[in-house]
């Protein structure tokens, strides 16, 4: 649960994570 929340919050900080989120 903690890892999932951290990964979700890192989308705001790390652009690469946001890019991965939009790749399907």
PDBML (XML) file of the C-alpha atoms, coordinates in Angstrom:
<?xml version="1.0" encoding="UTF-8" ?>
<PDBx:datablock datablockName="MODEL"
   xmlns:PDBx="http://pdbml.pdb.org/schema/pdbx-v50.xsd"
   xmlns:xsi="http://www.w3.org/2001/XMLSchema-instance"
   xsi:schemaLocation="http://pdbml.pdb.org/schema/pdbx-v50.xsd pdbx-v50.xsd">
   <PDBx:atom_siteCategory>
      <PDBx:atom_site id="1">
         <PDBx:B_iso_or_equiv>0.00</PDBx:B_iso_or_equiv>
         <PDBx:Cartn_x>0.000</PDBx:Cartn_x>
         <PDBx:Cartn_y>0.000</PDBx:Cartn_y>
         <PDBx:Cartn_z>0.000</PDBx:Cartn_z>
         <PDBx:auth_asym_id>A</PDBx:auth_asym_id>
         <PDBx:auth_atom_id>CA</PDBx:auth_atom_id>
         <PDBx:auth_comp_id>UNK</PDBx:auth_comp_id>
         <PDBx:auth_seq_id>1</PDBx:auth_seq_id>
         <PDBx:group_PDB>ATOM</PDBx:group_PDB>
         <PDBx:label_alt_id xsi:nil="true" />
         <PDBx:label_asym_id>A</PDBx:label_asym_id>
         <PDBx:label_atom_id>CA</PDBx:label_atom_id>
         <PDBx:label_comp_id>UNK</PDBx:label_comp_id>
         <PDBx:label_entity_id>1</PDBx:label_entity_id>
         <PDBx:label_seq_id>1</PDBx:label_seq_id>
         <PDBx:occupancy>1.00</PDBx:occupancy>
         <PDBx:pdbx_PDB_model_num>1</PDBx:pdbx_PDB_model_num>
         <PDBx:type_symbol>C</PDBx:type_symbol>
      </PDBx:atom_site>
      <PDBx:atom_site id="2">
         <PDBx:B_iso_or_equiv>0.00</PDBx:B_iso_or_equiv>
         <PDBx:Cartn_x>2.783</PDBx:Cartn_x>
         <PDBx:Cartn_y>2.424</PDBx:Cartn_y>
         <PDBx:Cartn_z>0.937</PDBx:Cartn_z>
         <PDBx:auth_asym_id>A</PDBx:auth_asym_id>
         <PDBx:auth_atom_id>CA</PDBx:auth_atom_id>
         <PDBx:auth_comp_id>UNK</PDBx:auth_comp_id>
         <PDBx:auth_seq_id>2</PDBx:auth_seq_id>
         <PDBx:group_PDB>ATOM</PDBx:group_PDB>
         <PDBx:label_alt_id xsi:nil="true" />
         <PDBx:label_asym_id>A</PDBx:label_asym_id>
         <PDBx:label_atom_id>CA</PDBx:label_atom_id>
         <PDBx:label_comp_id>UNK</PDBx:label_comp_id>
         <PDBx:label_entity_id>1</PDBx:label_entity_id>
         <PDBx:label_seq_id>2</PDBx:label_seq_id>
         <PDBx:occupancy>1.00</PDBx:occupancy>
         <PDBx:pdbx_PDB_model_num>1</PDBx:pdbx_PDB_model_num>
         <PDBx:type_symbol>C</PDBx:type_symbol>
      </PDBx:atom_site>
      <PDBx:atom_site id="3">
         <PDBx:B_iso_or_equiv>0.00</PDBx:B_iso_or_equiv>
         <PDBx:Cartn_x>4.719</PDBx:Cartn_x>
         <PDBx:Cartn_y>1.641</PDBx:Cartn_y>
         <PDBx:Cartn_z>-2.255</PDBx:Cartn_z>
         <PDBx:auth_asym_id>A</PDBx:auth_asym_id>
         <PDBx:auth_atom_id>CA</PDBx:auth_atom_id>
         <PDBx:auth_comp_id>UNK</PDBx:auth_comp_id>
         <PDBx:auth_seq_id>3</PDBx:auth_seq_id>
         <PDBx:group_PDB>ATOM</PDBx:group_PDB>
         <PDBx:label_alt_id xsi:nil="true" />
         <PDBx:label_asym_id>A</PDBx:label_asym_id>
         <PDBx:label_atom_id>CA</PDBx:label_atom_id>
         <PDBx:label_comp_id>UNK</PDBx:label_comp_id>
         <PDBx:label_entity_id>1</PDBx:label_entity_id>
         <PDBx:label_seq_id>3</PDBx:label_seq_id>
         <PDBx:occupancy>1.00</PDBx:occupancy>
         <PDBx:pdbx_PDB_model_num>1</PDBx:pdbx_PDB_model_num>
         <PDBx:type_symbol>C</PDBx:type_symbol>
      </PDBx:atom_site>
      <PDBx:atom_site id="4">
         <PDBx:B_iso_or_equiv>0.00</PDBx:B_iso_or_equiv>
         <PDBx:Cartn_x>1.603</PDBx:Cartn_x>
         <PDBx:Cartn_y>2.181</PDBx:Cartn_y>
         <PDBx:Cartn_z>-4.390</PDBx:Cartn_z>
         <PDBx:auth_asym_id>A</PDBx:auth_asym_id>
         <PDBx:auth_atom_id>CA</PDBx:auth_atom_id>
         <PDBx:auth_comp_id>UNK</PDBx:auth_comp_id>
         <PDBx:auth_seq_id>4</PDBx:auth_seq_id>
         <PDBx:group_PDB>ATOM</PDBx:group_PDB>
         <PDBx:label_alt_id xsi:nil="true" />
         <PDBx:label_asym_id>A</PDBx:label_asym_id>
         <PDBx:label_atom_id>CA</PDBx:label_atom_id>
         <PDBx:label_comp_id>UNK</PDBx:label_comp_id>
         <PDBx:label_entity_id>1</PDBx:label_entity_id>
         <PDBx:label_seq_id>4</PDBx:label_seq_id>
         <PDBx:occupancy>1.00</PDBx:occupancy>
         <PDBx:pdbx_PDB_model_num>1</PDBx:pdbx_PDB_model_num>
         <PDBx:type_symbol>C</PDBx:type_symbol>
      </PDBx:atom_site>
      <PDBx:atom_site id="5">
         <PDBx:B_iso_or_equiv>0.00</PDBx:B_iso_or_equiv>
         <PDBx:Cartn_x>0.919</PDBx:Cartn_x>
         <PDBx:Cartn_y>5.550</PDBx:Cartn_y>
         <PDBx:Cartn_z>-2.744</PDBx:Cartn_z>
         <PDBx:auth_asym_id>A</PDBx:auth_asym_id>
         <PDBx:auth_atom_id>CA</PDBx:auth_atom_id>
         <PDBx:auth_comp_id>UNK</PDBx:auth_comp_id>
         <PDBx:auth_seq_id>5</PDBx:auth_seq_id>
         <PDBx:group_PDB>ATOM</PDBx:group_PDB>
         <PDBx:label_alt_id xsi:nil="true" />
         <PDBx:label_asym_id>A</PDBx:label_asym_id>
         <PDBx:label_atom_id>CA</PDBx:label_atom_id>
         <PDBx:label_comp_id>UNK</PDBx:label_comp_id>
         <PDBx:label_entity_id>1</PDBx:label_entity_id>
         <PDBx:label_seq_id>5</PDBx:label_seq_id>
         <PDBx:occupancy>1.00</PDBx:occupancy>
         <PDBx:pdbx_PDB_model_num>1</PDBx:pdbx_PDB_model_num>
         <PDBx:type_symbol>C</PDBx:type_symbol>
      </PDBx:atom_site>
      <PDBx:atom_site id="6">
         <PDBx:B_iso_or_equiv>0.00</PDBx:B_iso_or_equiv>
         <PDBx:Cartn_x>4.551</PDBx:Cartn_x>
         <PDBx:Cartn_y>6.649</PDBx:Cartn_y>
         <PDBx:Cartn_z>-3.157</PDBx:Cartn_z>
         <PDBx:auth_asym_id>A</PDBx:auth_asym_id>
         <PDBx:auth_atom_id>CA</PDBx:auth_atom_id>
         <PDBx:auth_comp_id>UNK</PDBx:auth_comp_id>
         <PDBx:auth_seq_id>6</PDBx:auth_seq_id>
         <PDBx:group_PDB>ATOM</PDBx:group_PDB>
         <PDBx:label_alt_id xsi:nil="true" />
         <PDBx:label_asym_id>A</PDBx:label_asym_id>
         <PDBx:label_atom_id>CA</PDBx:label_atom_id>
         <PDBx:label_comp_id>UNK</PDBx:label_comp_id>
         <PDBx:label_entity_id>1</PDBx:label_entity_id>
         <PDBx:label_seq_id>6</PDBx:label_seq_id>
         <PDBx:occupancy>1.00</PDBx:occupancy>
         <PDBx:pdbx_PDB_model_num>1</PDBx:pdbx_PDB_model_num>
         <PDBx:type_symbol>C</PDBx:type_symbol>
      </PDBx:atom_site>
      <PDBx:atom_site id="7">
         <PDBx:B_iso_or_equiv>0.00</PDBx:B_iso_or_equiv>
         <PDBx:Cartn_x>4.583</PDBx:Cartn_x>
         <PDBx:Cartn_y>5.615</PDBx:Cartn_y>
         <PDBx:Cartn_z>-6.835</PDBx:Cartn_z>
         <PDBx:auth_asym_id>A</PDBx:auth_asym_id>
         <PDBx:auth_atom_id>CA</PDBx:auth_atom_id>
         <PDBx:auth_comp_id>UNK</PDBx:auth_comp_id>
         <PDBx:auth_seq_id>7</PDBx:auth_seq_id>
         <PDBx:group_PDB>ATOM</PDBx:group_PDB>
         <PDBx:label_alt_id xsi:nil="true" />
         <PDBx:label_asym_id>A</PDBx:label_asym_id>
         <PDBx:label_atom_id>CA</PDBx:label_atom_id>
         <PDBx:label_comp_id>UNK</PDBx:label_comp_id>
         <PDBx:label_entity_id>1</PDBx:label_entity_id>
         <PDBx:label_seq_id>7</PDBx:label_seq_id>
         <PDBx:occupancy>1.00</PDBx:occupancy>
         <PDBx:pdbx_PDB_model_num>1</PDBx:pdbx_PDB_model_num>
         <PDBx:type_symbol>C</PDBx:type_symbol>
      </PDBx:atom_site>
      <PDBx:atom_site id="8">
         <PDBx:B_iso_or_equiv>0.00</PDBx:B_iso_or_equiv>
         <PDBx:Cartn_x>1.363</PDBx:Cartn_x>
         <PDBx:Cartn_y>7.532</PDBx:Cartn_y>
         <PDBx:Cartn_z>-7.411</PDBx:Cartn_z>
         <PDBx:auth_asym_id>A</PDBx:auth_asym_id>
         <PDBx:auth_atom_id>CA</PDBx:auth_atom_id>
         <PDBx:auth_comp_id>UNK</PDBx:auth_comp_id>
         <PDBx:auth_seq_id>8</PDBx:auth_seq_id>
         <PDBx:group_PDB>ATOM</PDBx:group_PDB>
         <PDBx:label_alt_id xsi:nil="true" />
         <PDBx:label_asym_id>A</PDBx:label_asym_id>
         <PDBx:label_atom_id>CA</PDBx:label_atom_id>
         <PDBx:label_comp_id>UNK</PDBx:label_comp_id>
         <PDBx:label_entity_id>1</PDBx:label_entity_id>
         <PDBx:label_seq_id>8</PDBx:label_seq_id>
         <PDBx:occupancy>1.00</PDBx:occupancy>
         <PDBx:pdbx_PDB_model_num>1</PDBx:pdbx_PDB_model_num>
         <PDBx:type_symbol>C</PDBx:type_symbol>
      </PDBx:atom_site>
      <PDBx:atom_site id="9">
         <PDBx:B_iso_or_equiv>0.00</PDBx:B_iso_or_equiv>
         <PDBx:Cartn_x>2.683</PDBx:Cartn_x>
         <PDBx:Cartn_y>10.657</PDBx:Cartn_y>
         <PDBx:Cartn_z>-5.682</PDBx:Cartn_z>
         <PDBx:auth_asym_id>A</PDBx:auth_asym_id>
         <PDBx:auth_atom_id>CA</PDBx:auth_atom_id>
         <PDBx:auth_comp_id>UNK</PDBx:auth_comp_id>
         <PDBx:auth_seq_id>9</PDBx:auth_seq_id>
         <PDBx:group_PDB>ATOM</PDBx:group_PDB>
         <PDBx:label_alt_id xsi:nil="true" />
         <PDBx:label_asym_id>A</PDBx:label_asym_id>
         <PDBx:label_atom_id>CA</PDBx:label_atom_id>
         <PDBx:label_comp_id>UNK</PDBx:label_comp_id>
         <PDBx:label_entity_id>1</PDBx:label_entity_id>
         <PDBx:label_seq_id>9</PDBx:label_seq_id>
         <PDBx:occupancy>1.00</PDBx:occupancy>
         <PDBx:pdbx_PDB_model_num>1</PDBx:pdbx_PDB_model_num>
         <PDBx:type_symbol>C</PDBx:type_symbol>
      </PDBx:atom_site>
      <PDBx:atom_site id="10">
         <PDBx:B_iso_or_equiv>0.00</PDBx:B_iso_or_equiv>
         <PDBx:Cartn_x>5.987</PDBx:Cartn_x>
         <PDBx:Cartn_y>10.483</PDBx:Cartn_y>
         <PDBx:Cartn_z>-7.592</PDBx:Cartn_z>
         <PDBx:auth_asym_id>A</PDBx:auth_asym_id>
         <PDBx:auth_atom_id>CA</PDBx:auth_atom_id>
         <PDBx:auth_comp_id>UNK</PDBx:auth_comp_id>
         <PDBx:auth_seq_id>10</PDBx:auth_seq_id>
         <PDBx:group_PDB>ATOM</PDBx:group_PDB>
         <PDBx:label_alt_id xsi:nil="true" />
         <PDBx:label_asym_id>A</PDBx:label_asym_id>
         <PDBx:label_atom_id>CA</PDBx:label_atom_id>
         <PDBx:label_comp_id>UNK</PDBx:label_comp_id>
         <PDBx:label_entity_id>1</PDBx:label_entity_id>
         <PDBx:label_seq_id>10</PDBx:label_seq_id>
         <PDBx:occupancy>1.00</PDBx:occupancy>
         <PDBx:pdbx_PDB_model_num>1</PDBx:pdbx_PDB_model_num>
         <PDBx:type_symbol>C</PDBx:type_symbol>
      </PDBx:atom_site>
      <PDBx:atom_site id="11">
         <PDBx:B_iso_or_equiv>0.00</PDBx:B_iso_or_equiv>
         <PDBx:Cartn_x>4.070</PDBx:Cartn_x>
         <PDBx:Cartn_y>11.059</PDBx:Cartn_y>
         <PDBx:Cartn_z>-10.836</PDBx:Cartn_z>
         <PDBx:auth_asym_id>A</PDBx:auth_asym_id>
         <PDBx:auth_atom_id>CA</PDBx:auth_atom_id>
         <PDBx:auth_comp_id>UNK</PDBx:auth_comp_id>
         <PDBx:auth_seq_id>11</PDBx:auth_seq_id>
         <PDBx:group_PDB>ATOM</PDBx:group_PDB>
         <PDBx:label_alt_id xsi:nil="true" />
         <PDBx:label_asym_id>A</PDBx:label_asym_id>
         <PDBx:label_atom_id>CA</PDBx:label_atom_id>
         <PDBx:label_comp_id>UNK</PDBx:label_comp_id>
         <PDBx:label_entity_id>1</PDBx:label_entity_id>
         <PDBx:label_seq_id>11</PDBx:label_seq_id>
         <PDBx:occupancy>1.00</PDBx:occupancy>
         <PDBx:pdbx_PDB_model_num>1</PDBx:pdbx_PDB_model_num>
         <PDBx:type_symbol>C</PDBx:type_symbol>
      </PDBx:atom_site>
      <PDBx:atom_site id="12">
         <PDBx:B_iso_or_equiv>0.00</PDBx:B_iso_or_equiv>
         <PDBx:Cartn_x>3.821</PDBx:Cartn_x>
         <PDBx:Cartn_y>14.710</PDBx:Cartn_y>
         <PDBx:Cartn_z>-9.783</PDBx:Cartn_z>
         <PDBx:auth_asym_id>A</PDBx:auth_asym_id>
         <PDBx:auth_atom_id>CA</PDBx:auth_atom_id>
         <PDBx:auth_comp_id>UNK</PDBx:auth_comp_id>
         <PDBx:auth_seq_id>12</PDBx:auth_seq_id>
         <PDBx:group_PDB>ATOM</PDBx:group_PDB>
         <PDBx:label_alt_id xsi:nil="true" />
         <PDBx:label_asym_id>A</PDBx:label_asym_id>
         <PDBx:label_atom_id>CA</PDBx:label_atom_id>
         <PDBx:label_comp_id>UNK</PDBx:label_comp_id>
         <PDBx:label_entity_id>1</PDBx:label_entity_id>
         <PDBx:label_seq_id>12</PDBx:label_seq_id>
         <PDBx:occupancy>1.00</PDBx:occupancy>
         <PDBx:pdbx_PDB_model_num>1</PDBx:pdbx_PDB_model_num>
         <PDBx:type_symbol>C</PDBx:type_symbol>
      </PDBx:atom_site>
      <PDBx:atom_site id="13">
         <PDBx:B_iso_or_equiv>0.00</PDBx:B_iso_or_equiv>
         <PDBx:Cartn_x>7.555</PDBx:Cartn_x>
         <PDBx:Cartn_y>14.978</PDBx:Cartn_y>
         <PDBx:Cartn_z>-9.028</PDBx:Cartn_z>
         <PDBx:auth_asym_id>A</PDBx:auth_asym_id>
         <PDBx:auth_atom_id>CA</PDBx:auth_atom_id>
         <PDBx:auth_comp_id>UNK</PDBx:auth_comp_id>
         <PDBx:auth_seq_id>13</PDBx:auth_seq_id>
         <PDBx:group_PDB>ATOM</PDBx:group_PDB>
         <PDBx:label_alt_id xsi:nil="true" />
         <PDBx:label_asym_id>A</PDBx:label_asym_id>
         <PDBx:label_atom_id>CA</PDBx:label_atom_id>
         <PDBx:label_comp_id>UNK</PDBx:label_comp_id>
         <PDBx:label_entity_id>1</PDBx:label_entity_id>
         <PDBx:label_seq_id>13</PDBx:label_seq_id>
         <PDBx:occupancy>1.00</PDBx:occupancy>
         <PDBx:pdbx_PDB_model_num>1</PDBx:pdbx_PDB_model_num>
         <PDBx:type_symbol>C</PDBx:type_symbol>
      </PDBx:atom_site>
      <PDBx:atom_site id="14">
         <PDBx:B_iso_or_equiv>0.00</PDBx:B_iso_or_equiv>
         <PDBx:Cartn_x>9.198</PDBx:Cartn_x>
         <PDBx:Cartn_y>12.723</PDBx:Cartn_y>
         <PDBx:Cartn_z>-11.636</PDBx:Cartn_z>
         <PDBx:auth_asym_id>A</PDBx:auth_asym_id>
         <PDBx:auth_atom_id>CA</PDBx:auth_atom_id>
         <PDBx:auth_comp_id>UNK</PDBx:auth_comp_id>
         <PDBx:auth_seq_id>14</PDBx:auth_seq_id>
         <PDBx:group_PDB>ATOM</PDBx:group_PDB>
         <PDBx:label_alt_id xsi:nil="true" />
         <PDBx:label_asym_id>A</PDBx:label_asym_id>
         <PDBx:label_atom_id>CA</PDBx:label_atom_id>
         <PDBx:label_comp_id>UNK</PDBx:label_comp_id>
         <PDBx:label_entity_id>1</PDBx:label_entity_id>
         <PDBx:label_seq_id>14</PDBx:label_seq_id>
         <PDBx:occupancy>1.00</PDBx:occupancy>
         <PDBx:pdbx_PDB_model_num>1</PDBx:pdbx_PDB_model_num>
         <PDBx:type_symbol>C</PDBx:type_symbol>
      </PDBx:atom_site>
      <PDBx:atom_site id="15">
         <PDBx:B_iso_or_equiv>0.00</PDBx:B_iso_or_equiv>
         <PDBx:Cartn_x>8.143</PDBx:Cartn_x>
         <PDBx:Cartn_y>13.416</PDBx:Cartn_y>
         <PDBx:Cartn_z>-15.277</PDBx:Cartn_z>
         <PDBx:auth_asym_id>A</PDBx:auth_asym_id>
         <PDBx:auth_atom_id>CA</PDBx:auth_atom_id>
         <PDBx:auth_comp_id>UNK</PDBx:auth_comp_id>
         <PDBx:auth_seq_id>15</PDBx:auth_seq_id>
         <PDBx:group_PDB>ATOM</PDBx:group_PDB>
         <PDBx:label_alt_id xsi:nil="true" />
         <PDBx:label_asym_id>A</PDBx:label_asym_id>
         <PDBx:label_atom_id>CA</PDBx:label_atom_id>
         <PDBx:label_comp_id>UNK</PDBx:label_comp_id>
         <PDBx:label_entity_id>1</PDBx:label_entity_id>
         <PDBx:label_seq_id>15</PDBx:label_seq_id>
         <PDBx:occupancy>1.00</PDBx:occupancy>
         <PDBx:pdbx_PDB_model_num>1</PDBx:pdbx_PDB_model_num>
         <PDBx:type_symbol>C</PDBx:type_symbol>
      </PDBx:atom_site>
      <PDBx:atom_site id="16">
         <PDBx:B_iso_or_equiv>0.00</PDBx:B_iso_or_equiv>
         <PDBx:Cartn_x>9.229</PDBx:Cartn_x>
         <PDBx:Cartn_y>9.911</PDBx:Cartn_y>
         <PDBx:Cartn_z>-16.349</PDBx:Cartn_z>
         <PDBx:auth_asym_id>A</PDBx:auth_asym_id>
         <PDBx:auth_atom_id>CA</PDBx:auth_atom_id>
         <PDBx:auth_comp_id>UNK</PDBx:auth_comp_id>
         <PDBx:auth_seq_id>16</PDBx:auth_seq_id>
         <PDBx:group_PDB>ATOM</PDBx:group_PDB>
         <PDBx:label_alt_id xsi:nil="true" />
         <PDBx:label_asym_id>A</PDBx:label_asym_id>
         <PDBx:label_atom_id>CA</PDBx:label_atom_id>
         <PDBx:label_comp_id>UNK</PDBx:label_comp_id>
         <PDBx:label_entity_id>1</PDBx:label_entity_id>
         <PDBx:label_seq_id>16</PDBx:label_seq_id>
         <PDBx:occupancy>1.00</PDBx:occupancy>
         <PDBx:pdbx_PDB_model_num>1</PDBx:pdbx_PDB_model_num>
         <PDBx:type_symbol>C</PDBx:type_symbol>
      </PDBx:atom_site>
      <PDBx:atom_site id="17">
         <PDBx:B_iso_or_equiv>0.00</PDBx:B_iso_or_equiv>
         <PDBx:Cartn_x>6.594</PDBx:Cartn_x>
         <PDBx:Cartn_y>8.357</PDBx:Cartn_y>
         <PDBx:Cartn_z>-14.088</PDBx:Cartn_z>
         <PDBx:auth_asym_id>A</PDBx:auth_asym_id>
         <PDBx:auth_atom_id>CA</PDBx:auth_atom_id>
         <PDBx:auth_comp_id>UNK</PDBx:auth_comp_id>
         <PDBx:auth_seq_id>17</PDBx:auth_seq_id>
         <PDBx:group_PDB>ATOM</PDBx:group_PDB>
         <PDBx:label_alt_id xsi:nil="true" />
         <PDBx:label_asym_id>A</PDBx:label_asym_id>
         <PDBx:label_atom_id>CA</PDBx:label_atom_id>
         <PDBx:label_comp_id>UNK</PDBx:label_comp_id>
         <PDBx:label_entity_id>1</PDBx:label_entity_id>
         <PDBx:label_seq_id>17</PDBx:label_seq_id>
         <PDBx:occupancy>1.00</PDBx:occupancy>
         <PDBx:pdbx_PDB_model_num>1</PDBx:pdbx_PDB_model_num>
         <PDBx:type_symbol>C</PDBx:type_symbol>
      </PDBx:atom_site>
      <PDBx:atom_site id="18">
         <PDBx:B_iso_or_equiv>0.00</PDBx:B_iso_or_equiv>
         <PDBx:Cartn_x>3.897</PDBx:Cartn_x>
         <PDBx:Cartn_y>10.608</PDBx:Cartn_y>
         <PDBx:Cartn_z>-15.563</PDBx:Cartn_z>
         <PDBx:auth_asym_id>A</PDBx:auth_asym_id>
         <PDBx:auth_atom_id>CA</PDBx:auth_atom_id>
         <PDBx:auth_comp_id>UNK</PDBx:auth_comp_id>
         <PDBx:auth_seq_id>18</PDBx:auth_seq_id>
         <PDBx:group_PDB>ATOM</PDBx:group_PDB>
         <PDBx:label_alt_id xsi:nil="true" />
         <PDBx:label_asym_id>A</PDBx:label_asym_id>
         <PDBx:label_atom_id>CA</PDBx:label_atom_id>
         <PDBx:label_comp_id>UNK</PDBx:label_comp_id>
         <PDBx:label_entity_id>1</PDBx:label_entity_id>
         <PDBx:label_seq_id>18</PDBx:label_seq_id>
         <PDBx:occupancy>1.00</PDBx:occupancy>
         <PDBx:pdbx_PDB_model_num>1</PDBx:pdbx_PDB_model_num>
         <PDBx:type_symbol>C</PDBx:type_symbol>
      </PDBx:atom_site>
      <PDBx:atom_site id="19">
         <PDBx:B_iso_or_equiv>0.00</PDBx:B_iso_or_equiv>
         <PDBx:Cartn_x>5.027</PDBx:Cartn_x>
         <PDBx:Cartn_y>9.630</PDBx:Cartn_y>
         <PDBx:Cartn_z>-19.057</PDBx:Cartn_z>
         <PDBx:auth_asym_id>A</PDBx:auth_asym_id>
         <PDBx:auth_atom_id>CA</PDBx:auth_atom_id>
         <PDBx:auth_comp_id>UNK</PDBx:auth_comp_id>
         <PDBx:auth_seq_id>19</PDBx:auth_seq_id>
         <PDBx:group_PDB>ATOM</PDBx:group_PDB>
         <PDBx:label_alt_id xsi:nil="true" />
         <PDBx:label_asym_id>A</PDBx:label_asym_id>
         <PDBx:label_atom_id>CA</PDBx:label_atom_id>
         <PDBx:label_comp_id>UNK</PDBx:label_comp_id>
         <PDBx:label_entity_id>1</PDBx:label_entity_id>
         <PDBx:label_seq_id>19</PDBx:label_seq_id>
         <PDBx:occupancy>1.00</PDBx:occupancy>
         <PDBx:pdbx_PDB_model_num>1</PDBx:pdbx_PDB_model_num>
         <PDBx:type_symbol>C</PDBx:type_symbol>
      </PDBx:atom_site>
      <PDBx:atom_site id="20">
         <PDBx:B_iso_or_equiv>0.00</PDBx:B_iso_or_equiv>
         <PDBx:Cartn_x>4.778</PDBx:Cartn_x>
         <PDBx:Cartn_y>5.945</PDBx:Cartn_y>
         <PDBx:Cartn_z>-18.165</PDBx:Cartn_z>
         <PDBx:auth_asym_id>A</PDBx:auth_asym_id>
         <PDBx:auth_atom_id>CA</PDBx:auth_atom_id>
         <PDBx:auth_comp_id>UNK</PDBx:auth_comp_id>
         <PDBx:auth_seq_id>20</PDBx:auth_seq_id>
         <PDBx:group_PDB>ATOM</PDBx:group_PDB>
         <PDBx:label_alt_id xsi:nil="true" />
         <PDBx:label_asym_id>A</PDBx:label_asym_id>
         <PDBx:label_atom_id>CA</PDBx:label_atom_id>
         <PDBx:label_comp_id>UNK</PDBx:label_comp_id>
         <PDBx:label_entity_id>1</PDBx:label_entity_id>
         <PDBx:label_seq_id>20</PDBx:label_seq_id>
         <PDBx:occupancy>1.00</PDBx:occupancy>
         <PDBx:pdbx_PDB_model_num>1</PDBx:pdbx_PDB_model_num>
         <PDBx:type_symbol>C</PDBx:type_symbol>
      </PDBx:atom_site>
      <PDBx:atom_site id="21">
         <PDBx:B_iso_or_equiv>0.00</PDBx:B_iso_or_equiv>
         <PDBx:Cartn_x>1.296</PDBx:Cartn_x>
         <PDBx:Cartn_y>6.529</PDBx:Cartn_y>
         <PDBx:Cartn_z>-16.759</PDBx:Cartn_z>
         <PDBx:auth_asym_id>A</PDBx:auth_asym_id>
         <PDBx:auth_atom_id>CA</PDBx:auth_atom_id>
         <PDBx:auth_comp_id>UNK</PDBx:auth_comp_id>
         <PDBx:auth_seq_id>21</PDBx:auth_seq_id>
         <PDBx:group_PDB>ATOM</PDBx:group_PDB>
         <PDBx:label_alt_id xsi:nil="true" />
         <PDBx:label_asym_id>A</PDBx:label_asym_id>
         <PDBx:label_atom_id>CA</PDBx:label_atom_id>
         <PDBx:label_comp_id>UNK</PDBx:label_comp_id>
         <PDBx:label_entity_id>1</PDBx:label_entity_id>
         <PDBx:label_seq_id>21</PDBx:label_seq_id>
         <PDBx:occupancy>1.00</PDBx:occupancy>
         <PDBx:pdbx_PDB_model_num>1</PDBx:pdbx_PDB_model_num>
         <PDBx:type_symbol>C</PDBx:type_symbol>
      </PDBx:atom_site>
      <PDBx:atom_site id="22">
         <PDBx:B_iso_or_equiv>0.00</PDBx:B_iso_or_equiv>
         <PDBx:Cartn_x>0.143</PDBx:Cartn_x>
         <PDBx:Cartn_y>7.977</PDBx:Cartn_y>
         <PDBx:Cartn_z>-20.088</PDBx:Cartn_z>
         <PDBx:auth_asym_id>A</PDBx:auth_asym_id>
         <PDBx:auth_atom_id>CA</PDBx:auth_atom_id>
         <PDBx:auth_comp_id>UNK</PDBx:auth_comp_id>
         <PDBx:auth_seq_id>22</PDBx:auth_seq_id>
         <PDBx:group_PDB>ATOM</PDBx:group_PDB>
         <PDBx:label_alt_id xsi:nil="true" />
         <PDBx:label_asym_id>A</PDBx:label_asym_id>
         <PDBx:label_atom_id>CA</PDBx:label_atom_id>
         <PDBx:label_comp_id>UNK</PDBx:label_comp_id>
         <PDBx:label_entity_id>1</PDBx:label_entity_id>
         <PDBx:label_seq_id>22</PDBx:label_seq_id>
         <PDBx:occupancy>1.00</PDBx:occupancy>
         <PDBx:pdbx_PDB_model_num>1</PDBx:pdbx_PDB_model_num>
         <PDBx:type_symbol>C</PDBx:type_symbol>
      </PDBx:atom_site>
      <PDBx:atom_site id="23">
         <PDBx:B_iso_or_equiv>0.00</PDBx:B_iso_or_equiv>
         <PDBx:Cartn_x>1.665</PDBx:Cartn_x>
         <PDBx:Cartn_y>5.170</PDBx:Cartn_y>
         <PDBx:Cartn_z>-22.198</PDBx:Cartn_z>
         <PDBx:auth_asym_id>A</PDBx:auth_asym_id>
         <PDBx:auth_atom_id>CA</PDBx:auth_atom_id>
         <PDBx:auth_comp_id>UNK</PDBx:auth_comp_id>
         <PDBx:auth_seq_id>23</PDBx:auth_seq_id>
         <PDBx:group_PDB>ATOM</PDBx:group_PDB>
         <PDBx:label_alt_id xsi:nil="true" />
         <PDBx:label_asym_id>A</PDBx:label_asym_id>
         <PDBx:label_atom_id>CA</PDBx:label_atom_id>
         <PDBx:label_comp_id>UNK</PDBx:label_comp_id>
         <PDBx:label_entity_id>1</PDBx:label_entity_id>
         <PDBx:label_seq_id>23</PDBx:label_seq_id>
         <PDBx:occupancy>1.00</PDBx:occupancy>
         <PDBx:pdbx_PDB_model_num>1</PDBx:pdbx_PDB_model_num>
         <PDBx:type_symbol>C</PDBx:type_symbol>
      </PDBx:atom_site>
      <PDBx:atom_site id="24">
         <PDBx:B_iso_or_equiv>0.00</PDBx:B_iso_or_equiv>
         <PDBx:Cartn_x>-1.175</PDBx:Cartn_x>
         <PDBx:Cartn_y>2.765</PDBx:Cartn_y>
         <PDBx:Cartn_z>-21.534</PDBx:Cartn_z>
         <PDBx:auth_asym_id>A</PDBx:auth_asym_id>
         <PDBx:auth_atom_id>CA</PDBx:auth_atom_id>
         <PDBx:auth_comp_id>UNK</PDBx:auth_comp_id>
         <PDBx:auth_seq_id>24</PDBx:auth_seq_id>
         <PDBx:group_PDB>ATOM</PDBx:group_PDB>
         <PDBx:label_alt_id xsi:nil="true" />
         <PDBx:label_asym_id>A</PDBx:label_asym_id>
         <PDBx:label_atom_id>CA</PDBx:label_atom_id>
         <PDBx:label_comp_id>UNK</PDBx:label_comp_id>
         <PDBx:label_entity_id>1</PDBx:label_entity_id>
         <PDBx:label_seq_id>24</PDBx:label_seq_id>
         <PDBx:occupancy>1.00</PDBx:occupancy>
         <PDBx:pdbx_PDB_model_num>1</PDBx:pdbx_PDB_model_num>
         <PDBx:type_symbol>C</PDBx:type_symbol>
      </PDBx:atom_site>
   </PDBx:atom_siteCategory>
</PDBx:datablock>
